[in-house]
Amino acid sequence: MIHTWVTDAHVVAGTTLRSPGHSEVPFDSLNMAFYVPDDVKNVILNRELVAEKTGFPLSSWVFPKMTHSDHFIKVTKDDMGKGTYEESSSIPDMDALYTQEPNIMLAVFHADCTPVLLYDPKTQTIGAIHAGWAGTLKEITKKMLTHWIEVEHIDPKDIQVYIGPSISKPNFEIGYDLVHQVITQHKQYLPFVAIDDMRSTMDVSGINIKQCLDVGIPLENITHLDECTYAMEDKYFSYRKVPVSGRHCSFIGIKE
């Protein structure tokens, strides 16, 4: 049901797997998102299963309405429950959340996009980022980490990072328009793009790892669950492989 990222004993973090859950084909079976045309009742049942497994009641979770942006927000206890039982109450136009308050579970959705979870043990700050290729090239991970460093005064050497399952470089084929965008606007990420006349690919997770390193996070602080959502269809949903399918969520919370 869950792949757990173990940091400190009082931190609960990880990624949901594809099963077991209540959703039926083609969302079978642990779909966590309302924005796919799944039965809402089944999504709620799935969320309740995961909430029970994590020990965080569903009323303490916070879900964003994602738009592949570089927008992030600091949430508080006043935001608990947003997006939990209906999508309309989700925090709008937001692809990353962070908080410095305990007993709040942050979550982002994905199915091929790269989930990034952050934790600073000294200030007890946690974050969750949805980094698809668009948000990655907008540098959402680097921007939120820079905010932590400059505004929250967090030492990057203390930050722990989890990069969750996503589509791998060999399976993420990109078109000429995106290749041209990287060449003309994001040359620093050219090492993560394999350009070929017949087939070009991009390493989105690798770019997010570089953004973490660029702000001063030590490589040894970064955990990369190097599993491909496209290749491991029994374990993960893949939008690239099956567009009408479920979504995972990656989550992080601190118990008081």
C-alpha atoms as a PDB file:
ATOM      1  CA  MET A   1       0.000   0.000   0.000  1.00  0.00           C
ATOM      2  CA  ILE A   2       2.801   2.430   0.923  1.00  0.00           C
ATOM      3  CA  HIS A   3       6.510   2.851   0.305  1.00  0.00           C
ATOM      4  CA  THR A   4       7.779   4.534   3.466  1.00  0.00           C
ATOM      5  CA  TRP A   5      10.611   7.038   3.643  1.00  0.00           C
ATOM      6  CA  VAL A   6      12.193   6.658   7.087  1.00  0.00           C
ATOM      7  CA  THR A   7      13.819   9.778   8.524  1.00  0.00           C
ATOM      8  CA  ASP A   8      13.093  10.415  12.203  1.00  0.00           C
ATOM      9  CA  ALA A   9      10.789   8.281  14.307  1.00  0.00           C
ATOM     10  CA  HIS A  10       8.146  11.011  14.545  1.00  0.00           C
ATOM     11  CA  VAL A  11       8.131  11.777  10.794  1.00  0.00           C
ATOM     12  CA  VAL A  12       5.696   9.856   8.594  1.00  0.00           C
ATOM     13  CA  ALA A  13       6.484  10.094   4.889  1.00  0.00           C
ATOM     14  CA  GLY A  14       6.301   8.082   1.705  1.00  0.00           C
ATOM     15  CA  THR A  15       4.371   7.251  -1.448  1.00  0.00           C
ATOM     16  CA  THR A  16       1.230   5.233  -2.010  1.00  0.00           C
ATOM     17  CA  LEU A  17       1.435   2.228  -4.301  1.00  0.00           C
ATOM     18  CA  ARG A  18      -1.130   1.042  -6.836  1.00  0.00           C
ATOM     19  CA  SER A  19      -2.899  -1.390  -4.507  1.00  0.00           C
ATOM     20  CA  PRO A  20      -4.699  -2.601  -2.468  1.00  0.00           C
ATOM     21  CA  GLY A  21      -7.678  -0.261  -2.611  1.00  0.00           C
ATOM     22  CA  HIS A  22     -11.326   0.139  -3.570  1.00  0.00           C
ATOM     23  CA  SER A  23     -11.231   1.706  -7.043  1.00  0.00           C
ATOM     24  CA  GLU A  24     -12.293  -0.345 -10.054  1.00  0.00           C
ATOM     25  CA  VAL A  25     -10.730  -0.626 -13.529  1.00  0.00           C
ATOM     26  CA  PRO A  26      -9.115   1.524 -14.938  1.00  0.00           C
ATOM     27  CA  PHE A  27      -8.379   3.216 -11.600  1.00  0.00           C
ATOM     28  CA  ASP A  28      -7.606  -0.038  -9.847  1.00  0.00           C
ATOM     29  CA  SER A  29      -7.169   0.047  -7.066  1.00  0.00           C
ATOM     30  CA  LEU A  30      -5.614   2.642  -4.727  1.00  0.00           C
ATOM     31  CA  ASN A  31      -6.410   5.803  -6.693  1.00  0.00           C
ATOM     32  CA  MET A  32      -5.976   8.836  -4.435  1.00  0.00           C
ATOM     33  CA  ALA A  33      -7.206  11.682  -6.683  1.00  0.00           C
ATOM     34  CA  PHE A  34     -10.639  13.182  -7.311  1.00  0.00           C
ATOM     35  CA  TYR A  35      -9.617  14.831 -10.578  1.00  0.00           C
ATOM     36  CA  VAL A  36      -9.693  11.559 -12.512  1.00  0.00           C
ATOM     37  CA  PRO A  37     -13.208  10.230 -13.278  1.00  0.00           C
ATOM     38  CA  ASP A  38     -13.198   7.671 -10.491  1.00  0.00           C
ATOM     39  CA  ASP A  39     -16.086   7.105  -8.070  1.00  0.00           C
ATOM     40  CA  VAL A  40     -15.669   9.736  -5.332  1.00  0.00           C
ATOM     41  CA  LYS A  41     -16.787   7.267  -2.675  1.00  0.00           C
ATOM     42  CA  ASN A  42     -13.984   4.896  -3.628  1.00  0.00           C
ATOM     43  CA  VAL A  43     -11.403   7.683  -3.510  1.00  0.00           C
ATOM     44  CA  ILE A  44     -12.505   8.616   0.000  1.00  0.00           C
ATOM     45  CA  LEU A  45     -12.330   4.972   1.070  1.00  0.00           C
ATOM     46  CA  ASN A  46      -8.813   4.759  -0.374  1.00  0.00           C
ATOM     47  CA  ARG A  47      -7.758   7.902   1.439  1.00  0.00           C
ATOM     48  CA  GLU A  48      -9.180   6.580   4.685  1.00  0.00           C
ATOM     49  CA  LEU A  49      -7.168   3.371   4.250  1.00  0.00           C
ATOM     50  CA  VAL A  50      -3.946   5.330   3.796  1.00  0.00           C
ATOM     51  CA  ALA A  51      -4.769   7.736   6.611  1.00  0.00           C
ATOM     52  CA  GLU A  52      -5.287   4.829   8.988  1.00  0.00           C
ATOM     53  CA  LYS A  53      -2.027   3.253   7.864  1.00  0.00           C
ATOM     54  CA  THR A  54      -0.075   6.468   8.493  1.00  0.00           C
ATOM     55  CA  GLY A  55      -1.707   7.245  11.824  1.00  0.00           C
ATOM     56  CA  PHE A  56      -2.766  10.708  10.629  1.00  0.00           C
ATOM     57  CA  PRO A  57      -6.570  11.148  10.548  1.00  0.00           C
ATOM     58  CA  LEU A  58      -7.879  12.186   7.148  1.00  0.00           C
ATOM     59  CA  SER A  59      -9.137  15.442   8.669  1.00  0.00           C
ATOM     60  CA  SER A  60      -5.496  16.487   9.196  1.00  0.00           C
ATOM     61  CA  TRP A  61      -4.468  16.074   5.532  1.00  0.00           C
ATOM     62  CA  VAL A  62      -4.024  18.962   3.088  1.00  0.00           C
ATOM     63  CA  PHE A  63      -4.336  18.534  -0.689  1.00  0.00           C
ATOM     64  CA  PRO A  64      -3.546  21.105  -3.399  1.00  0.00           C
ATOM     65  CA  LYS A  65      -5.205  21.583  -6.784  1.00  0.00           C
ATOM     66  CA  MET A  66      -2.131  21.276  -8.967  1.00  0.00           C
ATOM     67  CA  THR A  67      -1.501  23.159 -12.218  1.00  0.00           C
ATOM     68  CA  HIS A  68       2.111  22.244 -13.140  1.00  0.00           C
ATOM     69  CA  SER A  69       3.185  25.628 -11.782  1.00  0.00           C
ATOM     70  CA  ASP A  70       6.081  26.850  -9.646  1.00  0.00           C
ATOM     71  CA  HIS A  71       3.696  28.007  -6.899  1.00  0.00           C
ATOM     72  CA  PHE A  72       4.175  26.970  -3.277  1.00  0.00           C
ATOM     73  CA  ILE A  73       2.527  27.968   0.004  1.00  0.00           C
ATOM     74  CA  LYS A  74       3.106  27.692   3.741  1.00  0.00           C
ATOM     75  CA  VAL A  75       0.131  25.974   5.349  1.00  0.00           C
ATOM     76  CA  THR A  76      -1.099  25.980   8.940  1.00  0.00           C
ATOM     77  CA  LYS A  77      -3.636  24.114  11.034  1.00  0.00           C
ATOM     78  CA  ASP A  78      -6.307  26.373   9.523  1.00  0.00           C
ATOM     79  CA  ASP A  79      -5.733  24.532   6.225  1.00  0.00           C
ATOM     80  CA  MET A  80      -6.234  21.038   7.632  1.00  0.00           C
ATOM     81  CA  GLY A  81      -8.890  19.100   5.736  1.00  0.00           C
ATOM     82  CA  LYS A  82      -8.658  21.173   2.557  1.00  0.00           C
ATOM     83  CA  GLY A  83      -9.267  18.985  -0.479  1.00  0.00           C
ATOM     84  CA  THR A  84      -9.872  15.953   1.718  1.00  0.00           C
ATOM     85  CA  TYR A  85     -13.470  15.073   0.890  1.00  0.00           C
ATOM     86  CA  GLU A  86     -13.991  17.112  -2.288  1.00  0.00           C
ATOM     87  CA  GLU A  87     -11.647  18.681  -4.803  1.00  0.00           C
ATOM     88  CA  SER A  88     -13.378  22.074  -4.653  1.00  0.00           C
ATOM     89  CA  SER A  89     -11.894  22.825  -1.231  1.00  0.00           C
ATOM     90  CA  SER A  90      -8.308  22.044  -2.311  1.00  0.00           C
ATOM     91  CA  ILE A  91      -5.718  24.815  -2.070  1.00  0.00           C
ATOM     92  CA  PRO A  92      -5.970  26.266  -5.611  1.00  0.00           C
ATOM     93  CA  ASP A  93      -3.211  26.643  -8.212  1.00  0.00           C
ATOM     94  CA  MET A  94      -0.516  25.173  -6.001  1.00  0.00           C
ATOM     95  CA  ASP A  95       2.088  22.490  -6.703  1.00  0.00           C
ATOM     96  CA  ALA A  96       4.003  22.527  -3.423  1.00  0.00           C
ATOM     97  CA  LEU A  97       3.153  22.830   0.256  1.00  0.00           C
ATOM     98  CA  TYR A  98       5.236  23.273   3.381  1.00  0.00           C
ATOM     99  CA  THR A  99       4.593  23.740   7.075  1.00  0.00           C
ATOM    100  CA  GLN A 100       6.356  24.134  10.405  1.00  0.00           C
ATOM    101  CA  GLU A 101       3.433  22.842  12.447  1.00  0.00           C
ATOM    102  CA  PRO A 102       3.028  19.262  13.705  1.00  0.00           C
ATOM    103  CA  ASN A 103       0.089  16.920  13.093  1.00  0.00           C
ATOM    104  CA  ILE A 104      -0.507  18.187   9.537  1.00  0.00           C
ATOM    105  CA  MET A 105      -0.139  15.756   6.647  1.00  0.00           C
ATOM    106  CA  LEU A 106       0.932  17.352   3.353  1.00  0.00           C
ATOM    107  CA  ALA A 107       0.247  15.475   0.118  1.00  0.00           C
ATOM    108  CA  VAL A 108       0.760  15.877  -3.636  1.00  0.00           C
ATOM    109  CA  PHE A 109      -0.515  13.693  -6.480  1.00  0.00           C
ATOM    110  CA  HIS A 110       1.450  12.116  -9.325  1.00  0.00           C
ATOM    111  CA  ALA A 111       1.549   9.362 -11.952  1.00  0.00           C
ATOM    112  CA  ASP A 112       4.908   9.722 -13.785  1.00  0.00           C
ATOM    113  CA  CYS A 113       5.684  13.219 -12.429  1.00  0.00           C
ATOM    114  CA  THR A 114       8.385  13.453  -9.772  1.00  0.00           C
ATOM    115  CA  PRO A 115       7.332  13.760  -6.114  1.00  0.00           C
ATOM    116  CA  VAL A 116       9.813  15.536  -3.835  1.00  0.00           C
ATOM    117  CA  LEU A 117       9.525  15.447  -0.034  1.00  0.00           C
ATOM    118  CA  LEU A 118      11.622  17.665   2.230  1.00  0.00           C
ATOM    119  CA  TYR A 119      12.417  17.631   5.934  1.00  0.00           C
ATOM    120  CA  ASP A 120      14.585  19.849   8.127  1.00  0.00           C
ATOM    121  CA  PRO A 121      14.996  18.250  11.577  1.00  0.00           C
ATOM    122  CA  LYS A 122      16.339  21.404  13.257  1.00  0.00           C
ATOM    123  CA  THR A 123      13.389  23.682  12.484  1.00  0.00           C
ATOM    124  CA  GLN A 124      10.874  20.841  12.076  1.00  0.00           C
ATOM    125  CA  THR A 125       9.950  22.073   8.618  1.00  0.00           C
ATOM    126  CA  ILE A 126       8.438  19.681   6.069  1.00  0.00           C
ATOM    127  CA  GLY A 127       7.484  20.088   2.413  1.00  0.00           C
ATOM    128  CA  ALA A 128       5.871  18.212  -0.467  1.00  0.00           C
ATOM    129  CA  ILE A 129       6.422  19.106  -4.127  1.00  0.00           C
ATOM    130  CA  HIS A 130       4.786  17.934  -7.361  1.00  0.00           C
ATOM    131  CA  ALA A 131       7.469  18.320 -10.025  1.00  0.00           C
ATOM    132  CA  GLY A 132       6.376  17.341 -13.502  1.00  0.00           C
ATOM    133  CA  TRP A 133       8.577  18.372 -16.418  1.00  0.00           C
ATOM    134  CA  ALA A 134       6.884  21.794 -16.625  1.00  0.00           C
ATOM    135  CA  GLY A 135       7.245  22.583 -12.920  1.00  0.00           C
ATOM    136  CA  THR A 136      10.759  21.173 -12.959  1.00  0.00           C
ATOM    137  CA  LEU A 137      11.885  23.491 -15.755  1.00  0.00           C
ATOM    138  CA  LYS A 138      10.224  26.358 -13.846  1.00  0.00           C
ATOM    139  CA  GLU A 139      12.479  25.212 -10.960  1.00  0.00           C
ATOM    140  CA  ILE A 140       9.743  24.710  -8.380  1.00  0.00           C
ATOM    141  CA  THR A 141      12.029  22.582  -6.197  1.00  0.00           C
ATOM    142  CA  LYS A 142      14.878  25.087  -6.295  1.00  0.00           C
ATOM    143  CA  LYS A 143      12.499  27.994  -5.647  1.00  0.00           C
ATOM    144  CA  MET A 144      10.911  26.460  -2.564  1.00  0.00           C
ATOM    145  CA  LEU A 145      14.290  25.398  -1.180  1.00  0.00           C
ATOM    146  CA  THR A 146      15.670  28.905  -1.785  1.00  0.00           C
ATOM    147  CA  HIS A 147      12.678  30.301   0.122  1.00  0.00           C
ATOM    148  CA  TRP A 148      13.434  27.947   3.013  1.00  0.00           C
ATOM    149  CA  ILE A 149      17.051  29.108   3.065  1.00  0.00           C
ATOM    150  CA  GLU A 150      16.471  32.850   2.646  1.00  0.00           C
ATOM    151  CA  VAL A 151      13.136  33.383   4.425  1.00  0.00           C
ATOM    152  CA  GLU A 152      12.897  30.543   6.948  1.00  0.00           C
ATOM    153  CA  HIS A 153      16.691  30.671   7.608  1.00  0.00           C
ATOM    154  CA  ILE A 154      17.141  26.916   7.173  1.00  0.00           C
ATOM    155  CA  ASP A 155      20.653  25.553   6.646  1.00  0.00           C
ATOM    156  CA  PRO A 156      20.612  23.517   3.416  1.00  0.00           C
ATOM    157  CA  LYS A 157      23.110  21.091   4.918  1.00  0.00           C
ATOM    158  CA  ASP A 158      20.374  20.005   7.353  1.00  0.00           C
ATOM    159  CA  ILE A 159      17.653  19.358   4.764  1.00  0.00           C
ATOM    160  CA  GLN A 160      16.728  15.746   4.019  1.00  0.00           C
ATOM    161  CA  VAL A 161      15.238  15.006   0.566  1.00  0.00           C
ATOM    162  CA  TYR A 162      13.191  12.122  -0.809  1.00  0.00           C
ATOM    163  CA  ILE A 163      12.738  11.789  -4.577  1.00  0.00           C
ATOM    164  CA  GLY A 164       9.890   9.350  -5.174  1.00  0.00           C
ATOM    165  CA  PRO A 165       9.017   7.028  -8.058  1.00  0.00           C
ATOM    166  CA  SER A 166       8.527   8.654 -11.450  1.00  0.00           C
ATOM    167  CA  ILE A 167       8.984   7.951 -15.138  1.00  0.00           C
ATOM    168  CA  SER A 168      12.625   7.183 -15.905  1.00  0.00           C
ATOM    169  CA  LYS A 169      14.760   8.904 -18.506  1.00  0.00           C
ATOM    170  CA  PRO A 170      14.681   6.001 -21.010  1.00  0.00           C
ATOM    171  CA  ASN A 171      10.872   5.987 -20.951  1.00  0.00           C
ATOM    172  CA  PHE A 172      10.233   9.742 -20.977  1.00  0.00           C
ATOM    173  CA  GLU A 173      10.385  10.573 -24.650  1.00  0.00           C
ATOM    174  CA  ILE A 174      10.116  14.286 -25.478  1.00  0.00           C
ATOM    175  CA  GLY A 175       9.377  16.181 -28.680  1.00  0.00           C
ATOM    176  CA  TYR A 176      11.385  18.773 -30.558  1.00  0.00           C
ATOM    177  CA  ASP A 177       9.561  21.710 -28.912  1.00  0.00           C
ATOM    178  CA  LEU A 178      10.695  20.625 -25.447  1.00  0.00           C
ATOM    179  CA  VAL A 179      14.197  19.848 -26.658  1.00  0.00           C
ATOM    180  CA  HIS A 180      14.362  23.341 -28.174  1.00  0.00           C
ATOM    181  CA  GLN A 181      13.102  24.857 -24.901  1.00  0.00           C
ATOM    182  CA  VAL A 182      15.868  23.180 -22.921  1.00  0.00           C
ATOM    183  CA  ILE A 183      18.539  24.177 -25.451  1.00  0.00           C
ATOM    184  CA  THR A 184      17.463  27.827 -25.600  1.00  0.00           C
ATOM    185  CA  GLN A 185      16.180  28.505 -22.059  1.00  0.00           C
ATOM    186  CA  HIS A 186      17.582  25.855 -19.703  1.00  0.00           C
ATOM    187  CA  LYS A 187      21.073  25.011 -20.926  1.00  0.00           C
ATOM    188  CA  GLN A 188      22.132  24.017 -17.410  1.00  0.00           C
ATOM    189  CA  TYR A 189      19.900  20.958 -17.765  1.00  0.00           C
ATOM    190  CA  LEU A 190      21.246  19.750 -21.110  1.00  0.00           C
ATOM    191  CA  PRO A 191      23.227  16.935 -19.403  1.00  0.00           C
ATOM    192  CA  PHE A 192      19.853  15.431 -18.429  1.00  0.00           C
ATOM    193  CA  VAL A 193      18.528  15.351 -21.998  1.00  0.00           C
ATOM    194  CA  ALA A 194      19.543  12.729 -24.546  1.00  0.00           C
ATOM    195  CA  ILE A 195      19.013  14.323 -27.954  1.00  0.00           C
ATOM    196  CA  ASP A 196      18.638  12.134 -31.015  1.00  0.00           C
ATOM    197  CA  ASP A 197      17.194  12.619 -34.476  1.00  0.00           C
ATOM    198  CA  MET A 198      14.818   9.715 -33.895  1.00  0.00           C
ATOM    199  CA  ARG A 199      14.072   9.848 -30.161  1.00  0.00           C
ATOM    200  CA  SER A 200      14.985  12.284 -27.375  1.00  0.00           C
ATOM    201  CA  THR A 201      14.485  11.677 -23.656  1.00  0.00           C
ATOM    202  CA  MET A 202      14.757  13.649 -20.399  1.00  0.00           C
ATOM    203  CA  ASP A 203      15.646  12.798 -16.792  1.00  0.00           C
ATOM    204  CA  VAL A 204      13.196  14.865 -14.735  1.00  0.00           C
ATOM    205  CA  SER A 205      14.193  13.339 -11.389  1.00  0.00           C
ATOM    206  CA  GLY A 206      17.848  14.017 -12.175  1.00  0.00           C
ATOM    207  CA  ILE A 207      17.089  17.691 -12.773  1.00  0.00           C
ATOM    208  CA  ASN A 208      15.325  17.927  -9.406  1.00  0.00           C
ATOM    209  CA  ILE A 209      18.299  16.311  -7.702  1.00  0.00           C
ATOM    210  CA  LYS A 210      20.581  18.883  -9.376  1.00  0.00           C
ATOM    211  CA  GLN A 211      18.342  21.700  -8.072  1.00  0.00           C
ATOM    212  CA  CYS A 212      18.777  20.320  -4.547  1.00  0.00           C
ATOM    213  CA  LEU A 213      22.552  20.131  -4.960  1.00  0.00           C
ATOM    214  CA  ASP A 214      22.674  23.629  -6.463  1.00  0.00           C
ATOM    215  CA  VAL A 215      21.266  25.190  -3.270  1.00  0.00           C
ATOM    216  CA  GLY A 216      23.762  23.348  -1.074  1.00  0.00           C
ATOM    217  CA  ILE A 217      22.031  20.150  -0.006  1.00  0.00           C
ATOM    218  CA  PRO A 218      24.658  17.391   0.368  1.00  0.00           C
ATOM    219  CA  LEU A 219      24.240  14.401  -1.948  1.00  0.00           C
ATOM    220  CA  GLU A 220      24.206  12.064   1.038  1.00  0.00           C
ATOM    221  CA  ASN A 221      21.043  13.825   2.272  1.00  0.00           C
ATOM    222  CA  ILE A 222      19.128  12.822  -0.859  1.00  0.00           C
ATOM    223  CA  THR A 223      17.216   9.543  -1.076  1.00  0.00           C
ATOM    224  CA  HIS A 224      16.124   8.621  -4.601  1.00  0.00           C
ATOM    225  CA  LEU A 225      13.606   5.809  -4.968  1.00  0.00           C
ATOM    226  CA  ASP A 226      14.830   4.971  -8.456  1.00  0.00           C
ATOM    227  CA  GLU A 227      11.749   3.090  -9.659  1.00  0.00           C
ATOM    228  CA  CYS A 228      10.087   3.788 -13.007  1.00  0.00           C
ATOM    229  CA  THR A 229       6.317   4.267 -12.951  1.00  0.00           C
ATOM    230  CA  TYR A 230       6.117   3.534 -16.686  1.00  0.00           C
ATOM    231  CA  ALA A 231       8.020   0.247 -16.480  1.00  0.00           C
ATOM    232  CA  MET A 232       6.567  -1.071 -13.193  1.00  0.00           C
ATOM    233  CA  GLU A 233       2.863  -1.105 -14.099  1.00  0.00           C
ATOM    234  CA  ASP A 234       1.962  -3.700 -11.460  1.00  0.00           C
ATOM    235  CA  LYS A 235       3.210  -1.335  -8.743  1.00  0.00           C
ATOM    236  CA  TYR A 236       2.506   2.150 -10.131  1.00  0.00           C
ATOM    237  CA  PHE A 237       0.092   4.160 -12.258  1.00  0.00           C
ATOM    238  CA  SER A 238       1.574   5.732 -15.387  1.00  0.00           C
ATOM    239  CA  TYR A 239      -0.187   8.551 -17.210  1.00  0.00           C
ATOM    240  CA  ARG A 240       2.214   8.192 -20.142  1.00  0.00           C
ATOM    241  CA  LYS A 241       1.343   4.499 -20.533  1.00  0.00           C
ATOM    242  CA  VAL A 242      -2.384   4.612 -19.603  1.00  0.00           C
ATOM    243  CA  PRO A 243      -3.782   8.194 -19.585  1.00  0.00           C
ATOM    244  CA  VAL A 244      -7.067   7.141 -17.970  1.00  0.00           C
ATOM    245  CA  SER A 245      -5.805   5.689 -14.715  1.00  0.00           C
ATOM    246  CA  GLY A 246      -5.356   6.441 -11.048  1.00  0.00           C
ATOM    247  CA  ARG A 247      -2.965   8.733  -9.197  1.00  0.00           C
ATOM    248  CA  HIS A 248      -0.599   8.198  -6.308  1.00  0.00           C
ATOM    249  CA  CYS A 249       0.052  10.628  -3.517  1.00  0.00           C
ATOM    250  CA  SER A 250       3.324  11.300  -1.763  1.00  0.00           C
ATOM    251  CA  PHE A 251       2.922  12.601   1.765  1.00  0.00           C
ATOM    252  CA  ILE A 252       4.803  13.864   4.798  1.00  0.00           C
ATOM    253  CA  GLY A 253       3.784  14.814   8.321  1.00  0.00           C
ATOM    254  CA  ILE A 254       5.332  15.263  11.777  1.00  0.00           C
ATOM    255  CA  LYS A 255       3.696  13.814  14.860  1.00  0.00           C
ATOM    256  CA  GLU A 256       3.775  16.087  17.881  1.00  0.00           C
END
